[in-house]
Each structure stands twice: as C-alpha cells, then as structure tokens.
Amino acid sequence: MRIVIPKESYPLERRVILLPDAAKRLVQAGHDVFVQSEAAMGIHISDEEYAAGGAQIVSDAESLYDLA
C-alpha cells in the first residue's frame, strides 16, 4: 500500500498526520510511505527523521498526490 503524508496547508497549522516512528513501522510492515518535504517542520521534526525510518521525501504536494 502507498501512504502519502502531505504538509498541512492552513496558515499557522503545525500538526502532522504521521510521526516518524509510525512511518517506520508502516515501512517495516511492507508499505511505501511518502512524506511531503517539511511536513513536520512546525513541530521540529526534520525530513531526515522520516527518511531514517524508510519513508521517501517528496518535494511538493502535486508530486505527492501523483503517487497516490
């Protein structure tokens, strides 16, 4: 299964739908996880933290949704 995690588009919104630990578990379970770049910057989580767990970082929302 492909799972895509977009960056929140509302101004001043800092939430993210999936944290790196959960993304890692999904990857370990055999899923493909794609995270939009800087999706969790509002809560000080870097793209590298997602990538370390096996998630793939996608530069923009349009490219992300093309994967879905």
Protein backbone atom coordinates (compact mmCIF):
# COMPACT_ATOMS: atom_id res chain seq x y z
CA MET A 1 0.00 0.00 0.00
CA ARG A 2 1.17 3.53 -0.75
CA ILE A 3 0.67 6.04 2.04
CA VAL A 4 1.14 9.74 1.35
CA ILE A 5 1.61 12.35 4.06
CA PRO A 6 1.07 15.95 2.91
CA LYS A 7 2.22 19.11 4.61
CA GLU A 8 -0.66 20.99 6.26
CA SER A 9 -1.85 23.82 4.00
CA TYR A 10 -3.66 26.01 6.52
CA PRO A 11 -1.72 29.04 7.79
CA LEU A 12 -0.10 28.57 11.21
CA GLU A 13 -1.17 24.90 11.35
CA ARG A 14 1.62 22.80 12.83
CA ARG A 15 0.08 19.34 13.11
CA VAL A 16 1.22 16.41 11.00
CA ILE A 17 -0.79 13.26 10.41
CA LEU A 18 2.01 10.73 10.95
CA LEU A 19 5.13 10.84 13.13
CA PRO A 20 8.45 9.28 12.06
CA ASP A 21 8.14 6.28 14.41
CA ALA A 22 4.77 5.35 12.96
CA ALA A 23 6.09 5.85 9.42
CA LYS A 24 8.96 3.49 10.22
CA ARG A 25 6.54 0.81 11.46
CA LEU A 26 4.48 1.12 8.31
CA VAL A 27 7.60 0.74 6.15
CA GLN A 28 8.66 -2.29 8.20
CA ALA A 29 5.22 -3.78 7.58
CA GLY A 30 5.84 -3.53 3.84
CA HIS A 31 4.09 -0.28 2.95
CA ASP A 32 5.52 2.55 0.86
CA VAL A 33 5.41 5.82 2.82
CA PHE A 34 5.85 9.14 1.05
CA VAL A 35 6.13 12.37 3.06
CA GLN A 36 5.98 15.87 1.63
CA SER A 37 9.14 17.82 2.40
CA GLU A 38 8.91 19.87 5.61
CA ALA A 39 5.58 18.26 6.56
CA ALA A 40 6.51 18.30 10.24
CA MET A 41 8.78 21.33 10.46
CA GLY A 42 6.14 23.09 12.59
CA ILE A 43 6.81 20.58 15.37
CA HIS A 44 10.57 20.49 14.78
CA ILE A 45 10.74 17.12 13.04
CA SER A 46 13.05 17.01 10.05
CA ASP A 47 12.72 15.22 6.73
CA GLU A 48 15.82 13.24 7.72
CA GLU A 49 13.95 11.68 10.64
CA TYR A 50 11.33 10.32 8.27
CA ALA A 51 13.95 9.18 5.77
CA ALA A 52 15.88 7.37 8.51
CA GLY A 53 12.80 5.20 9.05
CA GLY A 54 12.49 4.39 5.37
CA ALA A 55 9.97 6.99 4.26
CA GLN A 56 10.57 8.70 0.95
CA ILE A 57 10.58 12.50 0.88
CA VAL A 58 8.70 14.24 -1.94
CA SER A 59 9.34 17.89 -2.70
CA ASP A 60 5.81 19.20 -3.31
CA ALA A 61 2.14 18.33 -2.86
CA GLU A 62 1.39 17.86 -6.55
CA SER A 63 4.14 15.26 -6.91
CA LEU A 64 2.99 13.62 -3.70
CA TYR A 65 -0.60 13.24 -4.87
CA ASP A 66 0.58 11.86 -8.21
CA LEU A 67 1.93 8.89 -6.22
CA ALA A 68 -1.40 8.13 -4.55
